[in-house]
Amino acid sequence: MKRTLLLIGLFAFTYVAANAQRRVNERDLKGVWKLVIDVDKDEVREEIEDEDNIVAQIFAETITDFAFNIIEKIDIRFEFLPDNRLRVETNAFGETDVEYSEWHINKDGELWISDSDHFNIGDDDEDDFWMFDGKNLVAYEKSHDGRKKNKEVYLTPVQ
């Protein structure tokens, strides 16, 4: 029985450790990264269905479908350059735009990306940062009770 409990405990510890956020190191940022916005359409539609006002419900459905179509047509790529520079390339509707920003890694291994005049990666630059979750860089937000994961927004390496 003790052996079984020990194995279950070891498995649980391994699972938690494997799924925890991992510190960012500069050498891990090489290459190009694609920004993914992975919103659960079904979850959004369920929330819309809960709306009592039919006009508001129809309006919300129309806007939501429009927003999802735009998200699918936009391709945003990040390239972390030397000297803490960041190249952000946006391809949308046949147009390509390139912006530059800055990044740094703090002592806690959190990747912080600065906003520029035309480029904003989060709600509030003071609270948004990135950490590894597996092979992806996932957006997090500082909150009063620690780190809050934004599972819908992440960067994945381009092969």
N, C-alpha and C. Protein backbone atom coordinates (compact mmCIF):
# COMPACT_ATOMS: atom_id res chain seq x y z
N MET A 1 0.82 -1.19 0.00
CA MET A 1 0.00 0.00 0.00
C MET A 1 0.87 1.26 0.00
N LYS A 2 1.92 1.27 0.83
CA LYS A 2 2.82 2.43 0.87
C LYS A 2 3.48 2.63 -0.48
N ARG A 3 3.82 1.53 -1.11
CA ARG A 3 4.47 1.60 -2.42
C ARG A 3 3.53 2.22 -3.45
N THR A 4 2.27 1.84 -3.42
CA THR A 4 1.28 2.39 -4.34
C THR A 4 1.10 3.88 -4.12
N LEU A 5 0.99 4.29 -2.85
CA LEU A 5 0.85 5.71 -2.55
C LEU A 5 2.08 6.50 -2.98
N LEU A 6 3.25 5.91 -2.78
CA LEU A 6 4.49 6.57 -3.19
C LEU A 6 4.52 6.74 -4.71
N LEU A 7 4.11 5.72 -5.44
CA LEU A 7 4.08 5.80 -6.90
C LEU A 7 3.06 6.84 -7.39
N ILE A 8 1.90 6.87 -6.75
CA ILE A 8 0.89 7.87 -7.11
C ILE A 8 1.41 9.27 -6.83
N GLY A 9 2.05 9.47 -5.68
CA GLY A 9 2.62 10.77 -5.34
C GLY A 9 3.70 11.18 -6.32
N LEU A 10 4.57 10.24 -6.69
CA LEU A 10 5.64 10.52 -7.64
C LEU A 10 5.06 10.89 -9.00
N PHE A 11 4.03 10.16 -9.43
CA PHE A 11 3.38 10.46 -10.70
C PHE A 11 2.76 11.85 -10.67
N ALA A 12 2.06 12.18 -9.59
CA ALA A 12 1.41 13.49 -9.47
C ALA A 12 2.45 14.60 -9.51
N PHE A 13 3.56 14.43 -8.79
CA PHE A 13 4.62 15.44 -8.78
C PHE A 13 5.21 15.61 -10.18
N THR A 14 5.46 14.51 -10.87
CA THR A 14 6.01 14.56 -12.22
C THR A 14 5.05 15.27 -13.17
N TYR A 15 3.76 14.98 -13.05
CA TYR A 15 2.76 15.61 -13.91
C TYR A 15 2.71 17.12 -13.67
N VAL A 16 2.69 17.53 -12.43
CA VAL A 16 2.63 18.97 -12.11
C VAL A 16 3.90 19.66 -12.59
N ALA A 17 5.05 19.06 -12.35
CA ALA A 17 6.32 19.67 -12.76
C ALA A 17 6.41 19.79 -14.27
N ALA A 18 5.91 18.79 -14.98
CA ALA A 18 5.98 18.81 -16.44
C ALA A 18 5.04 19.86 -17.03
N ASN A 19 3.96 20.17 -16.35
CA ASN A 19 2.98 21.11 -16.88
C ASN A 19 3.13 22.52 -16.33
N ALA A 20 4.09 22.74 -15.47
CA ALA A 20 4.29 24.07 -14.88
C ALA A 20 4.99 24.98 -15.88
N GLN A 21 4.82 26.27 -15.69
CA GLN A 21 5.50 27.22 -16.55
C GLN A 21 7.00 27.12 -16.31
N ARG A 22 7.75 27.35 -17.37
CA ARG A 22 9.20 27.23 -17.31
C ARG A 22 9.82 28.58 -17.62
N ARG A 23 10.91 28.86 -16.94
CA ARG A 23 11.65 30.11 -17.13
C ARG A 23 12.09 30.26 -18.58
N VAL A 24 12.18 31.50 -19.02
CA VAL A 24 12.64 31.81 -20.37
C VAL A 24 14.13 32.13 -20.31
N ASN A 25 14.89 31.55 -21.22
CA ASN A 25 16.30 31.86 -21.40
C ASN A 25 16.48 32.45 -22.79
N GLU A 26 17.40 33.37 -22.93
CA GLU A 26 17.61 34.04 -24.21
C GLU A 26 17.87 33.05 -25.34
N ARG A 27 18.62 32.00 -25.09
CA ARG A 27 18.95 31.03 -26.14
C ARG A 27 17.71 30.28 -26.63
N ASP A 28 16.65 30.23 -25.82
CA ASP A 28 15.42 29.53 -26.22
C ASP A 28 14.56 30.36 -27.17
N LEU A 29 14.91 31.62 -27.38
CA LEU A 29 14.08 32.51 -28.19
C LEU A 29 14.50 32.57 -29.64
N LYS A 30 15.51 31.81 -30.04
CA LYS A 30 16.01 31.86 -31.41
C LYS A 30 14.94 31.42 -32.39
N GLY A 31 14.96 32.05 -33.55
CA GLY A 31 14.01 31.69 -34.59
C GLY A 31 12.80 32.60 -34.62
N VAL A 32 11.83 32.20 -35.41
CA VAL A 32 10.61 32.97 -35.60
C VAL A 32 9.48 32.29 -34.83
N TRP A 33 8.62 33.11 -34.25
CA TRP A 33 7.49 32.62 -33.44
C TRP A 33 6.19 33.17 -34.01
N LYS A 34 5.18 32.34 -34.06
CA LYS A 34 3.85 32.74 -34.56
C LYS A 34 2.93 33.00 -33.38
N LEU A 35 2.25 34.15 -33.42
CA LEU A 35 1.27 34.49 -32.39
C LEU A 35 -0.03 33.73 -32.68
N VAL A 36 -0.51 33.01 -31.68
CA VAL A 36 -1.76 32.25 -31.81
C VAL A 36 -2.77 32.82 -30.82
N ILE A 37 -3.95 33.13 -31.34
CA ILE A 37 -5.07 33.53 -30.50
C ILE A 37 -6.11 32.44 -30.65
N ASP A 38 -6.23 31.62 -29.63
CA ASP A 38 -7.03 30.40 -29.69
C ASP A 38 -8.25 30.53 -28.78
N VAL A 39 -9.25 31.25 -29.26
CA VAL A 39 -10.46 31.48 -28.48
C VAL A 39 -11.43 30.32 -28.74
N ASP A 40 -12.03 29.80 -27.70
CA ASP A 40 -12.99 28.72 -27.81
C ASP A 40 -14.32 29.28 -28.33
N LYS A 41 -14.59 29.04 -29.61
CA LYS A 41 -15.79 29.59 -30.24
C LYS A 41 -17.06 29.07 -29.57
N ASP A 42 -17.06 27.80 -29.19
CA ASP A 42 -18.26 27.23 -28.55
C ASP A 42 -18.56 27.92 -27.22
N GLU A 43 -17.51 28.20 -26.47
CA GLU A 43 -17.69 28.88 -25.18
C GLU A 43 -18.27 30.28 -25.37
N VAL A 44 -17.77 30.98 -26.38
CA VAL A 44 -18.28 32.33 -26.66
C VAL A 44 -19.74 32.25 -27.10
N ARG A 45 -20.04 31.29 -27.95
CA ARG A 45 -21.43 31.15 -28.43
C ARG A 45 -22.39 30.79 -27.29
N GLU A 46 -21.93 29.97 -26.35
CA GLU A 46 -22.77 29.64 -25.19
C GLU A 46 -23.09 30.89 -24.38
N GLU A 47 -22.09 31.75 -24.21
CA GLU A 47 -22.32 32.99 -23.48
C GLU A 47 -23.32 33.89 -24.21
N ILE A 48 -23.23 33.91 -25.53
CA ILE A 48 -24.16 34.72 -26.32
C ILE A 48 -25.58 34.17 -26.18
N GLU A 49 -25.72 32.86 -26.18
CA GLU A 49 -27.05 32.24 -26.05
C GLU A 49 -27.71 32.57 -24.72
N ASP A 50 -26.92 32.87 -23.71
CA ASP A 50 -27.46 33.22 -22.39
C ASP A 50 -28.06 34.63 -22.36
N GLU A 51 -27.80 35.40 -23.41
CA GLU A 51 -28.33 36.77 -23.48
C GLU A 51 -29.85 36.73 -23.62
N ASP A 52 -30.56 37.49 -22.78
CA ASP A 52 -32.02 37.50 -22.80
C ASP A 52 -32.59 38.32 -23.96
N ASN A 53 -31.93 39.40 -24.29
CA ASN A 53 -32.41 40.30 -25.34
C ASN A 53 -32.05 39.72 -26.70
N ILE A 54 -33.04 39.40 -27.53
CA ILE A 54 -32.80 38.77 -28.83
C ILE A 54 -32.03 39.68 -29.78
N VAL A 55 -32.28 40.98 -29.73
CA VAL A 55 -31.55 41.92 -30.59
C VAL A 55 -30.08 41.95 -30.19
N ALA A 56 -29.81 42.00 -28.91
CA ALA A 56 -28.42 41.97 -28.43
C ALA A 56 -27.75 40.65 -28.80
N GLN A 57 -28.50 39.56 -28.74
CA GLN A 57 -27.96 38.25 -29.08
C GLN A 57 -27.57 38.20 -30.56
N ILE A 58 -28.44 38.67 -31.44
CA ILE A 58 -28.14 38.69 -32.88
C ILE A 58 -26.95 39.59 -33.17
N PHE A 59 -26.92 40.75 -32.55
CA PHE A 59 -25.80 41.68 -32.73
C PHE A 59 -24.49 41.04 -32.27
N ALA A 60 -24.50 40.40 -31.10
CA ALA A 60 -23.30 39.76 -30.56
C ALA A 60 -22.83 38.63 -31.46
N GLU A 61 -23.75 37.84 -32.00
CA GLU A 61 -23.38 36.74 -32.91
C GLU A 61 -22.71 37.28 -34.16
N THR A 62 -23.25 38.35 -34.71
CA THR A 62 -22.69 38.95 -35.92
C THR A 62 -21.29 39.49 -35.67
N ILE A 63 -21.13 40.23 -34.60
CA ILE A 63 -19.82 40.80 -34.26
C ILE A 63 -18.82 39.69 -33.97
N THR A 64 -19.25 38.65 -33.27
CA THR A 64 -18.36 37.54 -32.93
C THR A 64 -17.88 36.82 -34.18
N ASP A 65 -18.78 36.52 -35.10
CA ASP A 65 -18.39 35.86 -36.34
C ASP A 65 -17.42 36.73 -37.13
N PHE A 66 -17.68 38.02 -37.18
CA PHE A 66 -16.80 38.96 -37.86
C PHE A 66 -15.41 38.95 -37.23
N ALA A 67 -15.36 39.00 -35.91
CA ALA A 67 -14.07 39.00 -35.19
C ALA A 67 -13.30 37.71 -35.42
N PHE A 68 -13.99 36.57 -35.38
CA PHE A 68 -13.31 35.29 -35.62
C PHE A 68 -12.74 35.22 -37.04
N ASN A 69 -13.47 35.74 -38.02
CA ASN A 69 -12.96 35.76 -39.39
C ASN A 69 -11.72 36.62 -39.52
N ILE A 70 -11.69 37.75 -38.84
CA ILE A 70 -10.51 38.61 -38.88
C ILE A 70 -9.32 37.92 -38.23
N ILE A 71 -9.53 37.32 -37.07
CA ILE A 71 -8.44 36.63 -36.36
C ILE A 71 -7.82 35.55 -37.24
N GLU A 72 -8.66 34.83 -37.98
CA GLU A 72 -8.16 33.75 -38.84
C GLU A 72 -7.34 34.28 -40.01
N LYS A 73 -7.55 35.52 -40.42
CA LYS A 73 -6.87 36.08 -41.59
C LYS A 73 -5.60 36.86 -41.25
N ILE A 74 -5.31 37.01 -39.98
CA ILE A 74 -4.13 37.78 -39.56
C ILE A 74 -3.02 36.83 -39.12
N ASP A 75 -1.83 37.06 -39.66
CA ASP A 75 -0.66 36.26 -39.31
C ASP A 75 0.38 37.19 -38.69
N ILE A 76 0.71 36.95 -37.41
CA ILE A 76 1.67 37.79 -36.70
C ILE A 76 2.85 36.93 -36.30
N ARG A 77 4.05 37.37 -36.67
CA ARG A 77 5.28 36.62 -36.38
C ARG A 77 6.24 37.50 -35.58
N PHE A 78 6.88 36.87 -34.61
CA PHE A 78 7.84 37.56 -33.75
C PHE A 78 9.23 36.98 -34.02
N GLU A 79 10.22 37.84 -34.06
CA GLU A 79 11.61 37.40 -34.13
C GLU A 79 12.40 38.18 -33.08
N PHE A 80 12.94 37.44 -32.12
CA PHE A 80 13.71 38.05 -31.04
C PHE A 80 15.14 38.25 -31.53
N LEU A 81 15.53 39.50 -31.69
CA LEU A 81 16.83 39.87 -32.25
C LEU A 81 17.83 40.17 -31.13
N PRO A 82 19.13 40.21 -31.49
CA PRO A 82 20.13 40.58 -30.49
C PRO A 82 19.87 41.99 -29.94
N ASP A 83 20.49 42.29 -28.85
CA ASP A 83 20.37 43.60 -28.20
C ASP A 83 18.93 43.88 -27.77
N ASN A 84 18.21 42.84 -27.43
CA ASN A 84 16.84 42.95 -26.90
C ASN A 84 15.88 43.69 -27.83
N ARG A 85 16.08 43.53 -29.13
CA ARG A 85 15.15 44.09 -30.10
C ARG A 85 14.19 42.99 -30.53
N LEU A 86 12.98 43.39 -30.89
CA LEU A 86 11.96 42.45 -31.33
C LEU A 86 11.40 42.93 -32.66
N ARG A 87 11.41 42.04 -33.64
CA ARG A 87 10.81 42.33 -34.95
C ARG A 87 9.44 41.67 -34.97
N VAL A 88 8.41 42.46 -35.25
CA VAL A 88 7.04 41.96 -35.31
C VAL A 88 6.53 42.18 -36.73
N GLU A 89 6.24 41.08 -37.42
CA GLU A 89 5.73 41.17 -38.79
C GLU A 89 4.27 40.75 -38.80
N THR A 90 3.43 41.61 -39.33
CA THR A 90 1.99 41.34 -39.41
C THR A 90 1.59 41.25 -40.87
N ASN A 91 0.97 40.13 -41.23
CA ASN A 91 0.43 39.93 -42.57
C ASN A 91 -1.08 39.85 -42.44
N ALA A 92 -1.77 40.80 -43.08
CA ALA A 92 -3.23 40.81 -43.00
C ALA A 92 -3.80 41.37 -44.30
N PHE A 93 -4.71 40.63 -44.88
CA PHE A 93 -5.44 41.08 -46.06
C PHE A 93 -4.49 41.50 -47.19
N GLY A 94 -3.42 40.76 -47.38
CA GLY A 94 -2.48 41.02 -48.46
C GLY A 94 -1.47 42.11 -48.17
N GLU A 95 -1.49 42.68 -47.01
CA GLU A 95 -0.55 43.74 -46.63
C GLU A 95 0.39 43.22 -45.55
N THR A 96 1.65 43.63 -45.64
CA THR A 96 2.64 43.26 -44.63
C THR A 96 3.14 44.52 -43.94
N ASP A 97 3.18 44.47 -42.62
CA ASP A 97 3.65 45.59 -41.82
C ASP A 97 4.71 45.07 -40.85
N VAL A 98 5.79 45.80 -40.70
CA VAL A 98 6.85 45.41 -39.78
C VAL A 98 7.02 46.50 -38.73
N GLU A 99 7.00 46.09 -37.48
CA GLU A 99 7.21 46.98 -36.33
C GLU A 99 8.39 46.45 -35.53
N TYR A 100 9.02 47.32 -34.78
CA TYR A 100 10.09 46.91 -33.89
C TYR A 100 9.74 47.32 -32.47
N SER A 101 10.11 46.48 -31.56
CA SER A 101 9.87 46.75 -30.15
C SER A 101 11.08 46.25 -29.37
N GLU A 102 10.94 46.15 -28.07
CA GLU A 102 12.03 45.67 -27.21
C GLU A 102 11.51 44.59 -26.29
N TRP A 103 12.42 43.75 -25.82
CA TRP A 103 12.07 42.69 -24.89
C TRP A 103 13.18 42.55 -23.85
N HIS A 104 12.84 41.97 -22.71
CA HIS A 104 13.85 41.62 -21.71
C HIS A 104 13.33 40.46 -20.87
N ILE A 105 14.25 39.78 -20.24
CA ILE A 105 13.92 38.67 -19.34
C ILE A 105 14.33 39.10 -17.94
N ASN A 106 13.38 39.07 -17.01
CA ASN A 106 13.70 39.50 -15.64
C ASN A 106 14.33 38.37 -14.84
N LYS A 107 14.66 38.63 -13.60
CA LYS A 107 15.35 37.65 -12.74
C LYS A 107 14.50 36.41 -12.47
N ASP A 108 13.18 36.51 -12.65
CA ASP A 108 12.29 35.37 -12.44
C ASP A 108 12.10 34.53 -13.70
N GLY A 109 12.82 34.89 -14.78
CA GLY A 109 12.70 34.15 -16.03
C GLY A 109 11.45 34.49 -16.81
N GLU A 110 10.86 35.65 -16.54
CA GLU A 110 9.67 36.09 -17.26
C GLU A 110 10.09 36.96 -18.44
N LEU A 111 9.52 36.68 -19.60
CA LEU A 111 9.79 37.46 -20.81
C LEU A 111 8.81 38.62 -20.87
N TRP A 112 9.35 39.83 -20.91
CA TRP A 112 8.52 41.04 -20.98
C TRP A 112 8.73 41.68 -22.34
N ILE A 113 7.63 41.98 -23.03
CA ILE A 113 7.67 42.60 -24.35
C ILE A 113 7.08 44.00 -24.23
N SER A 114 7.86 44.98 -24.67
CA SER A 114 7.41 46.38 -24.59
C SER A 114 6.49 46.71 -25.75
N ASP A 115 5.54 47.57 -25.48
CA ASP A 115 4.66 48.07 -26.53
C ASP A 115 5.39 49.18 -27.28
N SER A 116 4.96 49.42 -28.51
CA SER A 116 5.48 50.56 -29.27
C SER A 116 4.29 51.45 -29.63
N ASP A 117 4.54 52.46 -30.44
CA ASP A 117 3.47 53.38 -30.83
C ASP A 117 2.34 52.67 -31.59
N HIS A 118 2.70 51.66 -32.38
CA HIS A 118 1.71 50.98 -33.23
C HIS A 118 1.50 49.52 -32.85
N PHE A 119 2.12 49.08 -31.81
CA PHE A 119 2.09 47.66 -31.46
C PHE A 119 1.83 47.51 -29.97
N ASN A 120 0.78 46.77 -29.63
CA ASN A 120 0.42 46.54 -28.23
C ASN A 120 0.09 45.07 -28.07
N ILE A 121 0.82 44.37 -27.23
CA ILE A 121 0.64 42.93 -27.09
C ILE A 121 -0.31 42.54 -25.97
N GLY A 122 -0.63 43.43 -25.07
CA GLY A 122 -1.50 43.05 -23.96
C GLY A 122 -2.40 44.19 -23.54
N ASP A 123 -3.18 43.92 -22.51
CA ASP A 123 -4.08 44.94 -21.98
C ASP A 123 -3.30 46.08 -21.33
N ASP A 124 -2.28 45.69 -20.58
CA ASP A 124 -1.52 46.66 -19.80
C ASP A 124 -0.08 46.17 -19.73
N ASP A 125 0.83 46.89 -20.35
CA ASP A 125 2.22 46.46 -20.42
C ASP A 125 2.83 46.22 -19.04
N GLU A 126 2.26 46.80 -18.02
CA GLU A 126 2.80 46.65 -16.67
C GLU A 126 2.58 45.25 -16.11
N ASP A 127 1.60 44.52 -16.62
CA ASP A 127 1.21 43.25 -16.01
C ASP A 127 1.39 42.03 -16.89
N ASP A 128 1.62 42.19 -18.19
CA ASP A 128 1.65 41.06 -19.12
C ASP A 128 3.06 40.59 -19.39
N PHE A 129 3.27 39.28 -19.31
CA PHE A 129 4.58 38.69 -19.59
C PHE A 129 4.37 37.29 -20.16
N TRP A 130 5.47 36.63 -20.53
CA TRP A 130 5.41 35.33 -21.19
C TRP A 130 6.33 34.36 -20.47
N MET A 131 5.90 33.09 -20.43
CA MET A 131 6.74 32.01 -19.90
C MET A 131 6.48 30.77 -20.74
N PHE A 132 7.43 29.85 -20.71
CA PHE A 132 7.25 28.61 -21.46
C PHE A 132 6.25 27.70 -20.78
N ASP A 133 5.42 27.09 -21.61
CA ASP A 133 4.54 26.01 -21.21
C ASP A 133 4.72 24.97 -22.30
N GLY A 134 5.56 23.98 -22.03
CA GLY A 134 5.96 23.05 -23.09
C GLY A 134 6.86 23.79 -24.06
N LYS A 135 6.56 23.68 -25.35
CA LYS A 135 7.37 24.36 -26.37
C LYS A 135 6.87 25.77 -26.67
N ASN A 136 5.71 26.13 -26.15
CA ASN A 136 5.09 27.42 -26.45
C ASN A 136 5.40 28.46 -25.37
N LEU A 137 5.45 29.72 -25.80
CA LEU A 137 5.52 30.85 -24.88
C LEU A 137 4.09 31.30 -24.65
N VAL A 138 3.64 31.22 -23.41
CA VAL A 138 2.25 31.52 -23.08
C VAL A 138 2.17 32.85 -22.34
N ALA A 139 1.15 33.63 -22.67
CA ALA A 139 0.94 34.92 -22.02
C ALA A 139 0.41 34.72 -20.60
N TYR A 140 0.96 35.48 -19.68
CA TYR A 140 0.52 35.49 -18.28
C TYR A 140 0.28 36.93 -17.87
N GLU A 141 -0.45 37.07 -16.79
CA GLU A 141 -0.70 38.39 -16.22
C GLU A 141 -0.40 38.32 -14.73
N LYS A 142 0.30 39.33 -14.24
CA LYS A 142 0.54 39.41 -12.79
C LYS A 142 -0.77 39.77 -12.12
N SER A 143 -1.08 39.07 -11.04
CA SER A 143 -2.27 39.40 -10.27
C SER A 143 -1.91 39.36 -8.80
N HIS A 144 -2.83 39.79 -7.97
CA HIS A 144 -2.55 39.85 -6.53
C HIS A 144 -2.28 38.47 -5.94
N ASP A 145 -2.73 37.40 -6.60
CA ASP A 145 -2.50 36.05 -6.08
C ASP A 145 -1.50 35.26 -6.94
N GLY A 146 -0.63 35.96 -7.64
CA GLY A 146 0.42 35.29 -8.41
C GLY A 146 0.28 35.52 -9.91
N ARG A 147 0.49 34.44 -10.67
CA ARG A 147 0.44 34.51 -12.13
C ARG A 147 -0.89 33.95 -12.62
N LYS A 148 -1.49 34.68 -13.54
CA LYS A 148 -2.74 34.22 -14.15
C LYS A 148 -2.46 33.91 -15.62
N LYS A 149 -2.67 32.66 -16.02
CA LYS A 149 -2.37 32.21 -17.37
C LYS A 149 -3.48 32.62 -18.33
N ASN A 150 -3.08 33.14 -19.48
CA ASN A 150 -4.02 33.45 -20.56
C ASN A 150 -3.85 32.36 -21.60
N LYS A 151 -4.57 31.26 -21.45
CA LYS A 151 -4.37 30.09 -22.30
C LYS A 151 -4.76 30.32 -23.76
N GLU A 152 -5.48 31.40 -24.04
CA GLU A 152 -5.91 31.66 -25.40
C GLU A 152 -4.85 32.36 -26.25
N VAL A 153 -3.82 32.91 -25.63
CA VAL A 153 -2.80 33.67 -26.36
C VAL A 153 -1.43 33.05 -26.08
N TYR A 154 -0.77 32.62 -27.17
CA TYR A 154 0.57 32.06 -27.00
C TYR A 154 1.38 32.21 -28.28
N LEU A 155 2.69 32.05 -28.13
CA LEU A 155 3.62 32.06 -29.26
C LEU A 155 4.12 30.64 -29.46
N THR A 156 4.09 30.19 -30.70
CA THR A 156 4.58 28.85 -31.00
C THR A 156 5.72 28.97 -32.01
N PRO A 157 6.79 28.17 -31.87
CA PRO A 157 7.91 28.28 -32.79
C PRO A 157 7.52 27.86 -34.20
N VAL A 158 8.04 28.58 -35.20
CA VAL A 158 7.80 28.25 -36.60
C VAL A 158 8.94 27.35 -37.06
N GLN A 159 8.59 26.23 -37.62
CA GLN A 159 9.62 25.27 -38.07
C GLN A 159 10.03 25.54 -39.50
